[in-house]
């Protein structure tokens, strides 16, 4: 984004009739040659573009060419040029545009949406508004309702309400489908369009129509607010320090340091142990996951990032210094723990710094790089995969807990988070035949309910830390072993 802004400011005083976009495309060499096969396939797209375009201006065609060059060079694996261009052309044809009268920018956006959608679930084209939205997510502060959402069957699906937001204080639940926003149907809109509609001026009301399994569709009215996502929450649970990291935003590192200082000040001495809660943490910034892992490790590999080229591969290791001073630790994960969360859980488990409790994590082990395009928009490309210290990819595998916490019965919320990365359309395969490690199974009913949320997973973690050893914990709970 900085690159685009600099170019724009430098061009704003020009009197040349050429548009800023064409100037930038000229500077960055958008029209430079492609390999022979890629050039042939691009020419095939050009013919379709010119069939539907409403004018002869090739500016947007050059924009597509620039994006196509970047995608084919940077994507995590080589994809035949014919497949890429086929997807772009099919997107235009499926849109049923009118021949000779379709705006060039609409043609290109449609083509890039279709092309990126044909790859993996995390690769996408972002138009100007969606690109700006991406900065909001990593800053950890925005105006709206406070809901983690995805798209399912053309509707907005609630993954989970964010803690201490209008959504968490409403009747919304994971798995709910939002069908209308202020009586405007969601069907036919992109996820980005629906999200923009739900955001607005703080203090204003918004009506959502909700579809929930087993009940008649109903409406919920919420009041928009400034959503300041607290990346880190903490409290003392008796003599155990509890730290919840809800996302890996820029606020995470400072939050963890403050949490430890505050716990020690409140308790007056070192806690007996630490529970690090990463349940339903969808991930975020790679550097923050490395920082959190390094906070509890004195040495050893944290994660390796491997792309198509040596330039896109790197390894990250821990430096001396344990924020918890060697205190025993439990990490809580579940099917909603993804990406950066899995990096932390994998590293602490491998180095035996913490015992991992919960259920199999989501398995999102891919790296997304945002590549700005000239003037506006960007490509969000999967450019590499994460590999844990054991040498195995996290992609489509996730992290297997040391202790599987097994609920007595299936619930709708549990069913929502049992869907994994590998279940998504076009998900990249694991590329590994490694089997899950031996684990213990603990029925949740064997653990105490903690707090207002009656959190049995937390009860299991605290019981383990109080037991002082695995053998004592086993003696106190009904345990089974499995491969």
Protein backbone atom coordinates (compact mmCIF):
# COMPACT_ATOMS: atom_id res chain seq x y z
CA UNK A 1 0.00 0.00 0.00
CA UNK A 2 2.86 2.40 0.79
CA UNK A 3 4.22 1.80 -2.71
CA UNK A 4 0.94 2.89 -4.28
CA UNK A 5 0.64 6.02 -2.13
CA UNK A 6 4.17 7.17 -2.95
CA UNK A 7 3.57 6.81 -6.65
CA UNK A 8 0.29 8.61 -6.48
CA UNK A 9 1.73 11.59 -4.62
CA UNK A 10 4.57 11.80 -7.10
CA UNK A 11 2.19 11.83 -10.06
CA UNK A 12 -0.53 14.11 -8.76
CA UNK A 13 0.98 17.28 -10.25
CA UNK A 14 1.56 15.88 -13.74
CA UNK A 15 -0.18 17.45 -16.70
CA UNK A 16 0.31 14.47 -18.98
CA UNK A 17 -3.16 13.25 -20.08
CA UNK A 18 -2.26 9.63 -19.28
CA UNK A 19 -4.06 8.33 -16.17
CA UNK A 20 -2.17 7.63 -12.93
CA UNK A 21 -2.82 3.90 -13.42
CA UNK A 22 -1.30 3.82 -16.88
CA UNK A 23 1.72 5.78 -15.63
CA UNK A 24 2.29 3.37 -12.77
CA UNK A 25 1.83 0.35 -15.03
CA UNK A 26 4.42 1.82 -17.35
CA UNK A 27 6.87 2.42 -14.47
CA UNK A 28 6.55 -1.12 -13.08
CA UNK A 29 6.70 -2.74 -16.50
CA UNK A 30 3.25 -4.32 -16.62
CA UNK A 31 3.58 -4.87 -20.35
CA UNK A 32 6.91 -6.68 -20.21
CA UNK A 33 7.07 -10.10 -21.78
CA UNK A 34 5.89 -13.36 -20.26
CA UNK A 35 7.26 -16.83 -21.00
CA UNK A 36 5.98 -18.10 -24.34
CA UNK A 37 3.30 -20.42 -22.93
CA UNK A 38 2.09 -17.79 -20.46
CA UNK A 39 1.97 -15.16 -23.23
CA UNK A 40 -0.12 -17.47 -25.38
CA UNK A 41 -2.58 -18.05 -22.58
CA UNK A 42 -2.76 -14.33 -21.75
CA UNK A 43 -3.60 -13.61 -25.39
CA UNK A 44 -6.49 -16.03 -25.07
CA UNK A 45 -7.81 -14.04 -22.10
CA UNK A 46 -7.28 -10.80 -24.03
CA UNK A 47 -9.63 -11.95 -26.78
CA UNK A 48 -12.39 -12.72 -24.26
CA UNK A 49 -11.79 -9.40 -22.49
CA UNK A 50 -12.10 -7.44 -25.73
CA UNK A 51 -15.26 -9.34 -26.65
CA UNK A 52 -17.05 -8.13 -23.51
CA UNK A 53 -15.36 -4.76 -22.81
CA UNK A 54 -17.39 -1.61 -23.43
CA UNK A 55 -14.41 0.38 -24.79
CA UNK A 56 -10.99 -0.10 -26.36
CA UNK A 57 -9.00 1.18 -23.37
CA UNK A 58 -6.43 -1.49 -22.51
CA UNK A 59 -5.45 0.02 -19.17
CA UNK A 60 -7.37 -2.54 -17.13
CA UNK A 61 -6.10 -5.34 -19.36
CA UNK A 62 -2.55 -4.29 -18.43
CA UNK A 63 -3.63 -4.30 -14.79
CA UNK A 64 -4.78 -7.92 -15.17
CA UNK A 65 -1.50 -8.78 -16.88
CA UNK A 66 0.47 -7.32 -13.97
CA UNK A 67 -1.57 -9.34 -11.43
CA UNK A 68 -1.26 -12.51 -13.53
CA UNK A 69 2.53 -12.16 -13.69
CA UNK A 70 2.79 -11.71 -9.93
CA UNK A 71 0.48 -14.62 -9.17
CA UNK A 72 2.15 -17.17 -11.44
CA UNK A 73 5.58 -16.22 -10.05
CA UNK A 74 4.78 -16.06 -6.34
CA UNK A 75 2.11 -18.68 -5.66
CA UNK A 76 3.20 -21.52 -3.39
CA UNK A 77 3.19 -24.08 -6.21
CA UNK A 78 3.47 -23.89 -9.97
CA UNK A 79 0.06 -23.99 -11.67
CA UNK A 80 -0.27 -24.54 -15.45
CA UNK A 81 -0.96 -21.25 -17.21
CA UNK A 82 -3.87 -22.80 -19.06
CA UNK A 83 -5.59 -23.62 -15.74
CA UNK A 84 -5.17 -20.05 -14.48
CA UNK A 85 -6.54 -18.46 -17.63
CA UNK A 86 -9.34 -21.03 -17.93
CA UNK A 87 -10.52 -20.03 -14.44
CA UNK A 88 -10.42 -16.31 -15.29
CA UNK A 89 -12.36 -16.80 -18.53
CA UNK A 90 -14.92 -19.06 -16.85
CA UNK A 91 -15.51 -16.39 -14.22
CA UNK A 92 -16.40 -13.86 -16.91
CA UNK A 93 -18.59 -16.32 -18.80
CA UNK A 94 -20.45 -17.41 -15.68
CA UNK A 95 -21.20 -13.76 -14.84
CA UNK A 96 -23.38 -13.56 -17.97
CA UNK A 97 -22.06 -10.15 -18.95
CA UNK A 98 -23.41 -8.45 -22.07
CA UNK A 99 -21.03 -8.64 -25.02
CA UNK A 100 -19.45 -5.29 -25.89
CA UNK A 101 -20.98 -3.31 -23.03
CA UNK A 102 -19.30 -4.40 -19.79
CA UNK A 103 -17.09 -1.99 -17.87
CA UNK A 104 -13.41 -3.06 -18.13
CA UNK A 105 -12.80 -2.72 -14.37
CA UNK A 106 -15.74 -5.05 -13.65
CA UNK A 107 -14.41 -7.59 -16.16
CA UNK A 108 -10.95 -7.62 -14.60
CA UNK A 109 -12.20 -7.78 -11.01
CA UNK A 110 -14.49 -10.68 -11.91
CA UNK A 111 -11.67 -12.49 -13.70
CA UNK A 112 -9.21 -12.05 -10.83
CA UNK A 113 -11.83 -13.15 -8.28
CA UNK A 114 -12.45 -16.33 -10.28
CA UNK A 115 -8.77 -17.00 -10.94
CA UNK A 116 -7.77 -16.74 -7.26
CA UNK A 117 -10.84 -18.69 -6.12
CA UNK A 118 -9.67 -21.62 -8.26
CA UNK A 119 -6.52 -21.99 -6.16
CA UNK A 120 -6.74 -22.48 -2.37
CA UNK A 121 -9.28 -21.12 0.16
CA UNK A 122 -6.94 -18.38 1.42
CA UNK A 123 -5.84 -16.89 -1.89
CA UNK A 124 -7.96 -14.01 -3.15
CA UNK A 125 -8.05 -10.76 -5.06
CA UNK A 126 -8.80 -7.69 -2.98
CA UNK A 127 -10.25 -4.62 -4.61
CA UNK A 128 -9.55 -1.19 -3.16
CA UNK A 129 -12.07 -1.43 -0.31
CA UNK A 130 -11.11 -4.98 0.60
CA UNK A 131 -7.43 -4.04 0.62
CA UNK A 132 -8.10 -1.26 3.10
CA UNK A 133 -10.11 -3.70 5.20
CA UNK A 134 -7.08 -5.97 5.54
CA UNK A 135 -5.23 -3.29 7.50
CA UNK A 136 -8.13 -2.97 9.91
CA UNK A 137 -7.87 -6.64 10.87
CA UNK A 138 -4.19 -6.59 11.84
CA UNK A 139 -4.42 -3.31 13.76
CA UNK A 140 -6.95 -4.89 16.14
CA UNK A 141 -9.37 -1.92 16.25
CA UNK A 142 -12.40 -1.15 14.08
CA UNK A 143 -16.01 -0.06 14.20
CA UNK A 144 -18.75 -2.64 13.99
CA UNK A 145 -20.39 -5.54 15.83
CA UNK A 146 -17.56 -7.86 16.84
CA UNK A 147 -18.23 -11.08 14.93
CA UNK A 148 -15.84 -13.55 13.33
CA UNK A 149 -17.62 -14.55 10.12
CA UNK A 150 -17.22 -16.62 6.99
CA UNK A 151 -19.40 -17.38 3.97
CA UNK A 152 -21.53 -20.51 3.59
CA UNK A 153 -24.05 -21.19 0.84
CA UNK A 154 -24.13 -17.49 -0.05
CA UNK A 155 -24.92 -16.35 3.49
CA UNK A 156 -22.77 -14.88 6.26
CA UNK A 157 -21.98 -17.52 8.86
CA UNK A 158 -21.09 -16.63 12.44
CA UNK A 159 -17.88 -18.42 13.46
CA UNK A 160 -17.81 -16.82 16.89
CA UNK A 161 -18.70 -13.51 18.55
CA UNK A 162 -15.61 -11.62 19.77
CA UNK A 163 -15.40 -11.26 23.54
CA UNK A 164 -16.83 -8.11 25.13
CA UNK A 165 -18.48 -6.74 21.98
CA UNK A 166 -22.09 -6.03 20.94
CA UNK A 167 -22.17 -9.45 19.24
CA UNK A 168 -21.06 -11.33 22.37
CA UNK A 169 -23.75 -9.58 24.41
CA UNK A 170 -26.46 -10.49 21.90
CA UNK A 171 -28.24 -13.75 21.09
CA UNK A 172 -25.87 -14.59 18.23
CA UNK A 173 -24.23 -18.02 18.41
CA UNK A 174 -21.57 -19.89 16.41
CA UNK A 175 -23.16 -21.50 13.36
CA UNK A 176 -25.88 -18.86 12.93
CA UNK A 177 -26.47 -17.73 9.34
CA UNK A 178 -27.17 -14.03 8.71
CA UNK A 179 -29.62 -13.77 5.83
CA UNK A 180 -30.45 -10.02 5.85
CA UNK A 181 -28.82 -6.80 7.07
CA UNK A 182 -31.36 -4.02 7.67
CA UNK A 183 -33.82 -6.04 5.54
CA UNK A 184 -31.34 -6.12 2.64
CA UNK A 185 -30.66 -9.74 1.58
CA UNK A 186 -27.12 -11.08 1.86
CA UNK A 187 -27.54 -13.57 -0.96
CA UNK A 188 -25.69 -12.34 -4.02
CA UNK A 189 -23.17 -10.24 -2.07
CA UNK A 190 -19.54 -11.06 -1.41
CA UNK A 191 -18.37 -11.49 2.16
CA UNK A 192 -16.49 -8.18 1.97
CA UNK A 193 -19.64 -6.37 0.80
CA UNK A 194 -21.69 -7.87 3.62
CA UNK A 195 -19.06 -6.96 6.23
CA UNK A 196 -18.90 -3.36 4.97
CA UNK A 197 -22.69 -3.19 5.27
CA UNK A 198 -22.56 -4.37 8.87
CA UNK A 199 -19.99 -1.78 9.85
CA UNK A 200 -20.97 1.82 10.39
CA UNK A 201 -20.96 4.77 12.73
CA UNK A 202 -20.64 3.77 16.40
CA UNK A 203 -23.91 4.20 18.28
CA UNK A 204 -26.12 3.38 15.30
CA UNK A 205 -28.41 0.36 15.32
CA UNK A 206 -28.41 -2.47 12.84
CA UNK A 207 -30.96 -5.25 12.36
CA UNK A 208 -29.77 -8.74 11.43
CA UNK A 209 -32.08 -11.51 10.31
CA UNK A 210 -30.75 -14.81 11.58
CA UNK A 211 -31.30 -18.41 10.51
CA UNK A 212 -30.57 -21.07 13.13
CA UNK A 213 -31.05 -24.79 12.88
CA UNK A 214 -34.23 -25.95 14.60
CA UNK A 215 -35.88 -22.55 15.05
CA UNK A 216 -37.85 -20.07 12.93
CA UNK A 217 -35.78 -17.24 11.41
CA UNK A 218 -35.59 -14.32 13.82
CA UNK A 219 -34.22 -10.77 13.99
CA UNK A 220 -31.56 -9.33 16.29
CA UNK A 221 -30.91 -5.61 16.75
CA UNK A 222 -27.39 -4.58 17.76
CA UNK A 223 -25.79 -1.19 18.36
CA UNK A 224 -22.51 -0.64 16.55
CA UNK A 225 -19.46 0.21 18.65
CA UNK A 226 -15.75 0.79 18.30
CA UNK A 227 -14.37 -2.71 18.46
CA UNK A 228 -11.06 -2.69 20.26
CA UNK A 229 -10.10 -6.31 20.19
CA UNK A 230 -8.17 -7.18 23.29
CA UNK A 231 -5.61 -9.61 21.98
CA UNK A 232 -4.76 -10.74 25.52
CA UNK A 233 -6.88 -11.28 28.64
CA UNK A 234 -5.70 -12.70 31.94
CA UNK A 235 -6.74 -13.48 35.49
CA UNK A 236 -5.61 -15.61 38.41
CA UNK A 237 -7.60 -18.80 38.86
CA UNK A 238 -6.57 -19.51 42.44
CA UNK A 239 -2.82 -20.07 42.22
CA UNK A 240 -2.86 -20.66 38.44
CA UNK A 241 -2.24 -17.86 35.98
CA UNK A 242 -4.67 -17.87 33.07
CA UNK A 243 -3.74 -16.04 29.84
CA UNK A 244 -6.04 -16.01 26.84
CA UNK A 245 -4.67 -14.87 23.48
CA UNK A 246 -7.65 -14.31 21.20
CA UNK A 247 -5.72 -13.23 18.09
CA UNK A 248 -2.22 -12.45 16.92
CA UNK A 249 -2.54 -8.74 16.19
CA UNK A 250 0.05 -6.03 16.78
CA UNK A 251 -1.25 -5.71 20.35
CA UNK A 252 -0.38 -9.26 21.37
CA UNK A 253 3.24 -8.91 22.54
CA UNK A 254 2.61 -5.99 24.88
CA UNK A 255 -0.50 -7.67 26.24
CA UNK A 256 1.34 -10.84 27.30
CA UNK A 257 4.13 -8.90 29.01
CA UNK A 258 1.57 -6.81 30.91
CA UNK A 259 -0.37 -9.94 31.87
CA UNK A 260 2.63 -11.53 33.56
CA UNK A 261 3.54 -8.34 35.37
CA UNK A 262 -0.06 -7.87 36.57
CA UNK A 263 -0.45 -11.50 37.71
CA UNK A 264 2.75 -11.39 39.73
CA UNK A 265 1.74 -8.08 41.29
CA UNK A 266 -1.73 -9.33 42.21
CA UNK A 267 -0.65 -12.74 43.50
CA UNK A 268 2.47 -11.48 45.24
CA UNK A 269 4.63 -14.36 44.04
CA UNK A 270 5.04 -16.76 41.14
CA UNK A 271 1.90 -18.66 40.14
CA UNK A 272 1.93 -22.45 40.51
CA UNK A 273 1.48 -22.80 36.75
CA UNK A 274 0.25 -21.13 33.56
CA UNK A 275 -2.65 -21.92 31.25
CA UNK A 276 -2.21 -20.41 27.79
CA UNK A 277 -5.61 -20.45 26.10
CA UNK A 278 -5.50 -20.45 22.28
CA UNK A 279 -8.97 -21.91 21.71
CA UNK A 280 -10.83 -20.38 18.77
CA UNK A 281 -7.84 -18.16 17.99
CA UNK A 282 -7.88 -17.89 14.17
CA UNK A 283 -4.28 -16.69 13.93
CA UNK A 284 -2.93 -13.42 12.59
CA UNK A 285 0.59 -12.06 12.23
CA UNK A 286 3.42 -14.57 11.86
CA UNK A 287 5.91 -12.44 13.79
CA UNK A 288 3.59 -12.31 16.78
CA UNK A 289 3.32 -16.12 16.91
CA UNK A 290 7.12 -16.33 16.87
CA UNK A 291 7.34 -13.75 19.66
CA UNK A 292 4.84 -15.65 21.81
CA UNK A 293 6.61 -18.98 21.27
CA UNK A 294 9.97 -17.40 22.02
CA UNK A 295 8.54 -15.91 25.23
CA UNK A 296 8.54 -19.40 26.77
CA UNK A 297 11.52 -21.05 25.04
CA UNK A 298 15.23 -20.63 25.69
CA UNK A 299 16.38 -22.28 22.47
CA UNK A 300 15.28 -24.43 19.54
CA UNK A 301 13.39 -24.12 16.29
CA UNK A 302 9.95 -22.52 16.39
CA UNK A 303 8.77 -22.81 12.78
CA UNK A 304 10.13 -23.06 9.26
CA UNK A 305 8.48 -21.32 6.32
CA UNK A 306 9.03 -23.04 2.97
CA UNK A 307 8.00 -21.61 -0.38
CA UNK A 308 8.84 -22.36 -4.02
CA UNK A 309 12.18 -20.61 -3.90
CA UNK A 310 14.97 -20.24 -1.34
CA UNK A 311 14.10 -16.54 -1.12
CA UNK A 312 10.61 -17.41 0.15
CA UNK A 313 11.89 -19.86 2.78
CA UNK A 314 13.18 -19.11 6.27
CA UNK A 315 13.57 -20.67 9.70
CA UNK A 316 12.87 -19.06 13.08
CA UNK A 317 14.52 -20.11 16.34
CA UNK A 318 14.09 -19.11 19.96
CA UNK A 319 16.52 -16.97 21.93
CA UNK A 320 17.36 -17.32 25.60
CA UNK A 321 14.74 -15.98 28.02
CA UNK A 322 11.55 -17.54 29.42
CA UNK A 323 8.92 -15.03 30.48
CA UNK A 324 7.32 -17.67 32.73
CA UNK A 325 10.63 -18.63 34.40
CA UNK A 326 10.10 -22.33 33.73
CA UNK A 327 6.65 -22.55 35.33
CA UNK A 328 4.68 -25.64 34.25
CA UNK A 329 2.33 -24.81 31.38
CA UNK A 330 -0.75 -26.13 29.64
CA UNK A 331 -1.78 -24.87 26.21
CA UNK A 332 -5.48 -25.19 25.36
CA UNK A 333 -6.43 -25.64 21.69
CA UNK A 334 -9.49 -26.76 19.72
CA UNK A 335 -10.75 -26.99 16.16
CA UNK A 336 -10.95 -23.20 15.99
CA UNK A 337 -7.23 -22.78 16.75
CA UNK A 338 -5.54 -22.01 13.44
CA UNK A 339 -2.40 -20.73 11.77
CA UNK A 340 -0.36 -18.66 14.26
CA UNK A 341 -2.02 -20.52 17.16
CA UNK A 342 -0.85 -23.81 15.70
CA UNK A 343 2.71 -22.51 15.36
CA UNK A 344 2.81 -21.73 19.09
CA UNK A 345 1.18 -24.99 20.18
CA UNK A 346 3.43 -27.03 17.90
CA UNK A 347 6.64 -25.40 19.13
CA UNK A 348 5.82 -25.58 22.85
CA UNK A 349 4.69 -29.19 22.49
CA UNK A 350 7.74 -30.34 20.52
CA UNK A 351 10.19 -28.78 22.97
CA UNK A 352 8.16 -30.19 25.89
CA UNK A 353 7.75 -26.72 27.31
CA UNK A 354 4.01 -27.18 27.67
CA UNK A 355 1.44 -29.97 27.65
CA UNK A 356 -1.20 -29.41 24.99
CA UNK A 357 -4.83 -30.10 25.97
CA UNK A 358 -7.96 -29.96 23.84
CA UNK A 359 -8.94 -31.24 20.41
CA UNK A 360 -7.18 -31.41 17.03
CA UNK A 361 -6.47 -27.91 15.74
CA UNK A 362 -7.78 -26.54 12.44
CA UNK A 363 -4.77 -27.30 10.22
CA UNK A 364 -4.28 -23.95 8.49
CA UNK A 365 -0.57 -24.14 7.82
CA UNK A 366 -0.16 -21.77 4.88
CA UNK A 367 1.43 -18.33 4.61
CA UNK A 368 -0.44 -15.50 2.91
CA UNK A 369 1.45 -12.56 1.43
CA UNK A 370 -0.40 -9.40 0.45
CA UNK A 371 1.04 -8.10 -2.83
CA UNK A 372 -0.17 -4.56 -3.62
CA UNK A 373 -1.17 -3.89 -7.21
CA UNK A 374 -0.68 -0.53 -8.97
CA UNK A 375 -2.80 2.31 -7.55
CA UNK A 376 -5.44 0.11 -5.95
CA UNK A 377 -6.19 -3.43 -4.87
CA UNK A 378 -3.90 -6.33 -4.00
CA UNK A 379 -3.40 -10.05 -4.33
CA UNK A 380 -3.60 -12.10 -1.16
CA UNK A 381 -1.49 -15.07 -2.20
CA UNK A 382 -0.57 -18.27 -0.44
CA UNK A 383 3.19 -18.20 -0.92
CA UNK A 384 4.56 -20.80 1.53
CA UNK A 385 3.71 -23.47 4.10
CA UNK A 386 4.50 -23.67 7.81
CA UNK A 387 6.54 -26.61 9.10
CA UNK A 388 6.80 -27.39 12.80
CA UNK A 389 10.04 -28.24 14.62
CA UNK A 390 9.31 -31.91 13.93
CA UNK A 391 9.80 -31.22 10.21
CA UNK A 392 6.16 -31.91 9.34
CA UNK A 393 3.85 -29.38 7.73
CA UNK A 394 0.98 -27.98 9.77
CA UNK A 395 -1.11 -27.65 6.61
CA UNK A 396 -4.21 -29.88 6.60
CA UNK A 397 -2.81 -31.72 9.66
CA UNK A 398 -2.79 -29.26 12.53
CA UNK A 399 -1.59 -30.00 16.03
CA UNK A 400 -2.55 -33.15 17.91
CA UNK A 401 -3.00 -32.45 21.63
CA UNK A 402 -1.11 -34.52 24.19
CA UNK A 403 -4.42 -34.92 26.01
CA UNK A 404 -7.63 -35.11 24.00
CA UNK A 405 -10.54 -33.58 25.91
CA UNK A 406 -13.61 -35.47 24.79
CA UNK A 407 -17.10 -34.03 25.32
CA UNK A 408 -19.81 -36.42 26.44
CA UNK A 409 -22.11 -35.47 23.58
CA UNK A 410 -22.02 -33.57 20.32
CA UNK A 411 -23.31 -30.00 20.33
CA UNK A 412 -23.98 -27.61 17.48
CA UNK A 413 -21.04 -25.43 18.57
CA UNK A 414 -18.72 -28.43 18.71
CA UNK A 415 -19.88 -29.50 15.25
CA UNK A 416 -19.05 -26.04 13.87
CA UNK A 417 -15.44 -26.20 15.00
CA UNK A 418 -14.84 -29.83 14.00
CA UNK A 419 -14.71 -28.80 10.33
CA UNK A 420 -11.06 -28.54 9.42
CA UNK A 421 -8.85 -26.93 6.78
CA UNK A 422 -8.74 -30.21 4.87
CA UNK A 423 -12.56 -30.02 4.46
CA UNK A 424 -12.43 -26.68 2.60
CA UNK A 425 -12.78 -26.60 -1.20
CA UNK A 426 -9.39 -26.56 -2.99
CA UNK A 427 -7.47 -26.90 0.29
CA UNK A 428 -3.79 -27.59 -0.19
CA UNK A 429 -2.94 -31.16 0.85
CA UNK A 430 -0.75 -31.99 3.82
CA UNK A 431 1.98 -33.44 1.64
CA UNK A 432 2.94 -35.72 4.50
CA UNK A 433 2.20 -39.26 5.58
CA UNK A 434 3.12 -38.64 9.21
CA UNK A 435 0.66 -40.11 11.70
CA UNK A 436 -0.60 -38.43 14.82
CA UNK A 437 1.34 -39.10 17.99
CA UNK A 438 0.06 -41.23 20.83
CA UNK A 439 -2.31 -39.26 23.05
CA UNK A 440 -4.42 -39.62 26.14
CA UNK A 441 -8.19 -39.24 26.11
CA UNK A 442 -9.94 -37.54 29.03
CA UNK A 443 -13.74 -37.25 29.20
CA UNK A 444 -14.66 -33.67 30.02
CA UNK A 445 -17.08 -34.92 32.64
CA UNK A 446 -14.04 -35.93 34.72
CA UNK A 447 -13.03 -32.28 35.14
CA UNK A 448 -14.48 -29.48 37.25
CA UNK A 449 -16.47 -26.60 35.80
CA UNK A 450 -14.64 -23.29 36.13
CA UNK A 451 -16.26 -19.84 36.29
CA UNK A 452 -19.50 -18.52 34.87
CA UNK A 453 -18.82 -20.26 31.56
CA UNK A 454 -18.57 -23.62 33.35
CA UNK A 455 -15.35 -24.24 31.47
CA UNK A 456 -14.44 -27.89 31.90
CA UNK A 457 -11.47 -27.66 29.50
CA UNK A 458 -9.94 -25.08 31.81
CA UNK A 459 -10.84 -27.32 34.74
CA UNK A 460 -8.85 -30.17 33.18
CA UNK A 461 -5.84 -27.92 32.61
CA UNK A 462 -5.86 -26.64 36.18
CA UNK A 463 -6.25 -30.16 37.57
CA UNK A 464 -3.23 -31.28 35.56
CA UNK A 465 -1.09 -28.42 36.86
CA UNK A 466 -2.19 -29.08 40.45
CA UNK A 467 -1.48 -32.80 40.11
CA UNK A 468 2.19 -32.04 39.58
CA UNK A 469 2.81 -34.98 37.26
CA UNK A 470 1.13 -36.90 34.49
CA UNK A 471 0.96 -40.07 36.57
CA UNK A 472 -0.88 -38.34 39.41
CA UNK A 473 -3.26 -36.71 36.96
CA UNK A 474 -3.95 -40.11 35.38
CA UNK A 475 -4.70 -41.58 38.77
CA UNK A 476 -7.35 -38.92 39.41
CA UNK A 477 -9.18 -39.11 36.07
CA UNK A 478 -10.71 -41.72 33.80
CA UNK A 479 -8.12 -42.09 31.06
CA UNK A 480 -7.82 -44.07 27.86
CA UNK A 481 -4.90 -44.24 25.43
CA UNK A 482 -5.04 -44.32 21.67
CA UNK A 483 -2.72 -43.96 18.73
